[in-house]
Amino acid sequence: MAVPKSRVSRTRRDKRRSSHWKLTTPNVLTCSKCNAFRLPHRACVACGTYKDREVIAVKAED
């Protein structure tokens, strides 16, 4: 089993961990049919289309 030769200081440990919280924002695309914002590889919530086909039946707003 691996055992460290010497103790890692708090500063060195925290410097190593400092970048773990940074997340990248997801790409946001626009729907080709209704120009609403959507995530890639997912159906549009506004109109229910994916790759120019209707895959989700969306209720019409009154």
PDB file of N, CA and C in Angstrom:
ATOM      1  N   MET A   1       0.840  -1.174   0.000  1.00  0.00           N
ATOM      2  CA  MET A   1       0.000   0.000   0.000  1.00  0.00           C
ATOM      3  C   MET A   1       0.888   1.242   0.000  1.00  0.00           C
ATOM      4  N   ALA A   2       0.494   2.256  -0.730  1.00  0.00           N
ATOM      5  CA  ALA A   2       1.303   3.462  -0.854  1.00  0.00           C
ATOM      6  C   ALA A   2       1.209   4.301   0.410  1.00  0.00           C
ATOM      7  N   VAL A   3       2.363   4.708   0.901  1.00  0.00           N
ATOM      8  CA  VAL A   3       2.444   5.558   2.084  1.00  0.00           C
ATOM      9  C   VAL A   3       3.281   6.767   1.708  1.00  0.00           C
ATOM     10  N   PRO A   4       2.810   7.986   1.976  1.00  0.00           N
ATOM     11  CA  PRO A   4       3.603   9.165   1.620  1.00  0.00           C
ATOM     12  C   PRO A   4       4.869   9.257   2.460  1.00  0.00           C
ATOM     13  N   LYS A   5       5.962   9.711   1.816  1.00  0.00           N
ATOM     14  CA  LYS A   5       7.234   9.819   2.524  1.00  0.00           C
ATOM     15  C   LYS A   5       7.219  10.959   3.533  1.00  0.00           C
ATOM     16  N   SER A   6       6.504  12.022   3.209  1.00  0.00           N
ATOM     17  CA  SER A   6       6.448  13.145   4.144  1.00  0.00           C
ATOM     18  C   SER A   6       5.055  13.756   4.102  1.00  0.00           C
ATOM     19  N   ARG A   7       4.752  14.483   5.153  1.00  0.00           N
ATOM     20  CA  ARG A   7       3.435  15.089   5.261  1.00  0.00           C
ATOM     21  C   ARG A   7       3.296  16.231   4.263  1.00  0.00           C
ATOM     22  N   VAL A   8       2.110  16.366   3.683  1.00  0.00           N
ATOM     23  CA  VAL A   8       1.827  17.454   2.764  1.00  0.00           C
ATOM     24  C   VAL A   8       1.246  18.603   3.576  1.00  0.00           C
ATOM     25  N   SER A   9       1.821  19.777   3.415  1.00  0.00           N
ATOM     26  CA  SER A   9       1.371  20.930   4.194  1.00  0.00           C
ATOM     27  C   SER A   9      -0.024  21.367   3.755  1.00  0.00           C
ATOM     28  N   ARG A  10      -0.686  22.122   4.626  1.00  0.00           N
ATOM     29  CA  ARG A  10      -2.024  22.606   4.321  1.00  0.00           C
ATOM     30  C   ARG A  10      -2.026  23.493   3.080  1.00  0.00           C
ATOM     31  N   THR A  11      -0.996  24.292   2.924  1.00  0.00           N
ATOM     32  CA  THR A  11      -0.916  25.192   1.781  1.00  0.00           C
ATOM     33  C   THR A  11      -0.795  24.412   0.481  1.00  0.00           C
ATOM     34  N   ARG A  12       0.087  23.425   0.455  1.00  0.00           N
ATOM     35  CA  ARG A  12       0.282  22.625  -0.750  1.00  0.00           C
ATOM     36  C   ARG A  12      -0.980  21.820  -1.082  1.00  0.00           C
ATOM     37  N   ARG A  13      -1.617  21.276  -0.063  1.00  0.00           N
ATOM     38  CA  ARG A  13      -2.853  20.517  -0.256  1.00  0.00           C
ATOM     39  C   ARG A  13      -3.956  21.407  -0.812  1.00  0.00           C
ATOM     40  N   ASP A  14      -4.099  22.607  -0.245  1.00  0.00           N
ATOM     41  CA  ASP A  14      -5.156  23.511  -0.665  1.00  0.00           C
ATOM     42  C   ASP A  14      -4.906  24.088  -2.055  1.00  0.00           C
ATOM     43  N   LYS A  15      -3.636  24.292  -2.421  1.00  0.00           N
ATOM     44  CA  LYS A  15      -3.331  24.750  -3.772  1.00  0.00           C
ATOM     45  C   LYS A  15      -3.725  23.700  -4.799  1.00  0.00           C
ATOM     46  N   ARG A  16      -3.503  22.449  -4.461  1.00  0.00           N
ATOM     47  CA  ARG A  16      -3.871  21.368  -5.360  1.00  0.00           C
ATOM     48  C   ARG A  16      -5.389  21.276  -5.524  1.00  0.00           C
ATOM     49  N   ARG A  17      -6.121  21.504  -4.464  1.00  0.00           N
ATOM     50  CA  ARG A  17      -7.578  21.387  -4.489  1.00  0.00           C
ATOM     51  C   ARG A  17      -8.282  22.651  -4.973  1.00  0.00           C
ATOM     52  N   SER A  18      -7.557  23.708  -5.215  1.00  0.00           N
ATOM     53  CA  SER A  18      -8.185  24.996  -5.494  1.00  0.00           C
ATOM     54  C   SER A  18      -8.968  25.020  -6.795  1.00  0.00           C
ATOM     55  N   SER A  19      -8.603  24.217  -7.764  1.00  0.00           N
ATOM     56  CA  SER A  19      -9.276  24.284  -9.063  1.00  0.00           C
ATOM     57  C   SER A  19     -10.378  23.248  -9.214  1.00  0.00           C
ATOM     58  N   HIS A  20     -10.651  22.446  -8.202  1.00  0.00           N
ATOM     59  CA  HIS A  20     -11.654  21.387  -8.334  1.00  0.00           C
ATOM     60  C   HIS A  20     -13.076  21.917  -8.350  1.00  0.00           C
ATOM     61  N   TRP A  21     -13.300  23.101  -7.799  1.00  0.00           N
ATOM     62  CA  TRP A  21     -14.660  23.630  -7.732  1.00  0.00           C
ATOM     63  C   TRP A  21     -15.079  24.312  -9.020  1.00  0.00           C
ATOM     64  N   LYS A  22     -14.118  24.616  -9.904  1.00  0.00           N
ATOM     65  CA  LYS A  22     -14.440  25.357 -11.118  1.00  0.00           C
ATOM     66  C   LYS A  22     -15.128  24.427 -12.113  1.00  0.00           C
ATOM     67  N   LEU A  23     -16.309  24.790 -12.523  1.00  0.00           N
ATOM     68  CA  LEU A  23     -17.059  24.019 -13.495  1.00  0.00           C
ATOM     69  C   LEU A  23     -17.234  24.848 -14.756  1.00  0.00           C
ATOM     70  N   THR A  24     -17.326  24.162 -15.876  1.00  0.00           N
ATOM     71  CA  THR A  24     -17.573  24.876 -17.121  1.00  0.00           C
ATOM     72  C   THR A  24     -19.079  24.982 -17.340  1.00  0.00           C
ATOM     73  N   THR A  25     -19.490  26.065 -17.921  1.00  0.00           N
ATOM     74  CA  THR A  25     -20.908  26.247 -18.195  1.00  0.00           C
ATOM     75  C   THR A  25     -21.292  25.432 -19.425  1.00  0.00           C
ATOM     76  N   PRO A  26     -22.491  24.889 -19.462  1.00  0.00           N
ATOM     77  CA  PRO A  26     -22.890  24.108 -20.636  1.00  0.00           C
ATOM     78  C   PRO A  26     -23.116  25.012 -21.839  1.00  0.00           C
ATOM     79  N   ASN A  27     -22.889  24.462 -23.023  1.00  0.00           N
ATOM     80  CA  ASN A  27     -23.158  25.216 -24.242  1.00  0.00           C
ATOM     81  C   ASN A  27     -24.661  25.401 -24.376  1.00  0.00           C
ATOM     82  N   VAL A  28     -25.055  26.578 -24.780  1.00  0.00           N
ATOM     83  CA  VAL A  28     -26.471  26.861 -24.976  1.00  0.00           C
ATOM     84  C   VAL A  28     -26.664  27.167 -26.453  1.00  0.00           C
ATOM     85  N   LEU A  29     -27.553  26.407 -27.079  1.00  0.00           N
ATOM     86  CA  LEU A  29     -27.842  26.585 -28.496  1.00  0.00           C
ATOM     87  C   LEU A  29     -29.235  27.175 -28.655  1.00  0.00           C
ATOM     88  N   THR A  30     -29.553  27.599 -29.859  1.00  0.00           N
ATOM     89  CA  THR A  30     -30.905  28.073 -30.132  1.00  0.00           C
ATOM     90  C   THR A  30     -31.614  27.042 -30.992  1.00  0.00           C
ATOM     91  N   CYS A  31     -32.883  26.887 -30.751  1.00  0.00           N
ATOM     92  CA  CYS A  31     -33.708  25.952 -31.513  1.00  0.00           C
ATOM     93  C   CYS A  31     -33.854  26.469 -32.936  1.00  0.00           C
ATOM     94  N   SER A  32     -33.744  25.575 -33.903  1.00  0.00           N
ATOM     95  CA  SER A  32     -33.844  26.004 -35.306  1.00  0.00           C
ATOM     96  C   SER A  32     -35.276  26.352 -35.707  1.00  0.00           C
ATOM     97  N   LYS A  33     -36.253  25.853 -34.955  1.00  0.00           N
ATOM     98  CA  LYS A  33     -37.645  26.102 -35.301  1.00  0.00           C
ATOM     99  C   LYS A  33     -38.207  27.347 -34.605  1.00  0.00           C
ATOM    100  N   CYS A  34     -37.981  27.467 -33.287  1.00  0.00           N
ATOM    101  CA  CYS A  34     -38.607  28.565 -32.541  1.00  0.00           C
ATOM    102  C   CYS A  34     -37.600  29.556 -31.955  1.00  0.00           C
ATOM    103  N   ASN A  35     -36.314  29.329 -32.148  1.00  0.00           N
ATOM    104  CA  ASN A  35     -35.227  30.193 -31.663  1.00  0.00           C
ATOM    105  C   ASN A  35     -35.186  30.332 -30.147  1.00  0.00           C
ATOM    106  N   ALA A  36     -35.730  29.360 -29.420  1.00  0.00           N
ATOM    107  CA  ALA A  36     -35.634  29.351 -27.960  1.00  0.00           C
ATOM    108  C   ALA A  36     -34.292  28.712 -27.574  1.00  0.00           C
ATOM    109  N   PHE A  37     -33.790  29.067 -26.406  1.00  0.00           N
ATOM    110  CA  PHE A  37     -32.535  28.486 -25.942  1.00  0.00           C
ATOM    111  C   PHE A  37     -32.760  27.047 -25.500  1.00  0.00           C
ATOM    112  N   ARG A  38     -31.800  26.177 -25.811  1.00  0.00           N
ATOM    113  CA  ARG A  38     -31.879  24.774 -25.412  1.00  0.00           C
ATOM    114  C   ARG A  38     -30.479  24.214 -25.231  1.00  0.00           C
ATOM    115  N   LEU A  39     -30.370  23.086 -24.537  1.00  0.00           N
ATOM    116  CA  LEU A  39     -29.096  22.413 -24.363  1.00  0.00           C
ATOM    117  C   LEU A  39     -28.847  21.477 -25.539  1.00  0.00           C
ATOM    118  N   PRO A  40     -27.572  21.220 -25.878  1.00  0.00           N
ATOM    119  CA  PRO A  40     -27.304  20.340 -27.006  1.00  0.00           C
ATOM    120  C   PRO A  40     -27.726  18.901 -26.719  1.00  0.00           C
ATOM    121  N   HIS A  41     -28.135  18.187 -27.763  1.00  0.00           N
ATOM    122  CA  HIS A  41     -28.559  16.786 -27.702  1.00  0.00           C
ATOM    123  C   HIS A  41     -29.784  16.586 -26.827  1.00  0.00           C
ATOM    124  N   ARG A  42     -30.628  17.595 -26.739  1.00  0.00           N
ATOM    125  CA  ARG A  42     -31.865  17.493 -25.972  1.00  0.00           C
ATOM    126  C   ARG A  42     -32.984  18.141 -26.773  1.00  0.00           C
ATOM    127  N   ALA A  43     -34.196  17.670 -26.537  1.00  0.00           N
ATOM    128  CA  ALA A  43     -35.351  18.229 -27.235  1.00  0.00           C
ATOM    129  C   ALA A  43     -35.636  19.631 -26.715  1.00  0.00           C
ATOM    130  N   CYS A  44     -36.152  20.465 -27.577  1.00  0.00           N
ATOM    131  CA  CYS A  44     -36.518  21.831 -27.206  1.00  0.00           C
ATOM    132  C   CYS A  44     -37.746  21.783 -26.303  1.00  0.00           C
ATOM    133  N   VAL A  45     -37.691  22.466 -25.194  1.00  0.00           N
ATOM    134  CA  VAL A  45     -38.805  22.471 -24.245  1.00  0.00           C
ATOM    135  C   VAL A  45     -39.951  23.332 -24.770  1.00  0.00           C
ATOM    136  N   ALA A  46     -39.620  24.370 -25.518  1.00  0.00           N
ATOM    137  CA  ALA A  46     -40.650  25.299 -25.980  1.00  0.00           C
ATOM    138  C   ALA A  46     -41.534  24.700 -27.078  1.00  0.00           C
ATOM    139  N   CYS A  47     -40.912  24.043 -28.069  1.00  0.00           N
ATOM    140  CA  CYS A  47     -41.717  23.528 -29.182  1.00  0.00           C
ATOM    141  C   CYS A  47     -41.701  22.004 -29.291  1.00  0.00           C
ATOM    142  N   GLY A  48     -40.840  21.322 -28.552  1.00  0.00           N
ATOM    143  CA  GLY A  48     -40.838  19.859 -28.523  1.00  0.00           C
ATOM    144  C   GLY A  48     -40.167  19.192 -29.698  1.00  0.00           C
ATOM    145  N   THR A  49     -39.278  19.892 -30.401  1.00  0.00           N
ATOM    146  CA  THR A  49     -38.615  19.290 -31.555  1.00  0.00           C
ATOM    147  C   THR A  49     -37.187  18.891 -31.218  1.00  0.00           C
ATOM    148  N   TYR A  50     -36.703  17.878 -31.947  1.00  0.00           N
ATOM    149  CA  TYR A  50     -35.315  17.445 -31.856  1.00  0.00           C
ATOM    150  C   TYR A  50     -34.892  17.020 -33.251  1.00  0.00           C
ATOM    151  N   LYS A  51     -33.845  17.625 -33.766  1.00  0.00           N
ATOM    152  CA  LYS A  51     -33.370  17.387 -35.135  1.00  0.00           C
ATOM    153  C   LYS A  51     -34.496  17.572 -36.148  1.00  0.00           C
ATOM    154  N   ASP A  52     -35.210  18.669 -36.007  1.00  0.00           N
ATOM    155  CA  ASP A  52     -36.300  19.076 -36.907  1.00  0.00           C
ATOM    156  C   ASP A  52     -37.446  18.067 -36.972  1.00  0.00           C
ATOM    157  N   ARG A  53     -37.628  17.260 -35.926  1.00  0.00           N
ATOM    158  CA  ARG A  53     -38.771  16.360 -35.822  1.00  0.00           C
ATOM    159  C   ARG A  53     -39.462  16.639 -34.508  1.00  0.00           C
ATOM    160  N   GLU A  54     -40.776  16.541 -34.477  1.00  0.00           N
ATOM    161  CA  GLU A  54     -41.500  16.753 -33.224  1.00  0.00           C
ATOM    162  C   GLU A  54     -41.475  15.456 -32.427  1.00  0.00           C
ATOM    163  N   VAL A  55     -40.856  15.492 -31.262  1.00  0.00           N
ATOM    164  CA  VAL A  55     -40.719  14.297 -30.439  1.00  0.00           C
ATOM    165  C   VAL A  55     -41.526  14.399 -29.138  1.00  0.00           C
ATOM    166  N   ILE A  56     -41.911  15.600 -28.752  1.00  0.00           N
ATOM    167  CA  ILE A  56     -42.688  15.826 -27.536  1.00  0.00           C
ATOM    168  C   ILE A  56     -43.913  16.657 -27.909  1.00  0.00           C
ATOM    169  N   ALA A  57     -45.053  16.199 -27.458  1.00  0.00           N
ATOM    170  CA  ALA A  57     -46.274  16.977 -27.677  1.00  0.00           C
ATOM    171  C   ALA A  57     -46.336  18.071 -26.614  1.00  0.00           C
ATOM    172  N   VAL A  58     -46.330  19.319 -27.060  1.00  0.00           N
ATOM    173  CA  VAL A  58     -46.341  20.468 -26.157  1.00  0.00           C
ATOM    174  C   VAL A  58     -47.733  21.082 -26.169  1.00  0.00           C
ATOM    175  N   LYS A  59     -48.264  21.386 -24.981  1.00  0.00           N
ATOM    176  CA  LYS A  59     -49.583  22.017 -24.895  1.00  0.00           C
ATOM    177  C   LYS A  59     -49.513  23.431 -25.446  1.00  0.00           C
ATOM    178  N   ALA A  60     -50.566  23.838 -26.130  1.00  0.00           N
ATOM    179  CA  ALA A  60     -50.647  25.201 -26.654  1.00  0.00           C
ATOM    180  C   ALA A  60     -51.022  26.128 -25.506  1.00  0.00           C
ATOM    181  N   GLU A  61     -50.307  27.257 -25.398  1.00  0.00           N
ATOM    182  CA  GLU A  61     -50.606  28.212 -24.339  1.00  0.00           C
ATOM    183  C   GLU A  61     -51.833  29.032 -24.710  1.00  0.00           C
ATOM    184  N   ASP A  62     -52.712  29.263 -23.733  1.00  0.00           N
ATOM    185  CA  ASP A  62     -53.932  30.046 -23.977  1.00  0.00           C
ATOM    186  C   ASP A  62     -53.680  31.500 -23.719  1.00  0.00           C
TER     187      ASP A  62
END
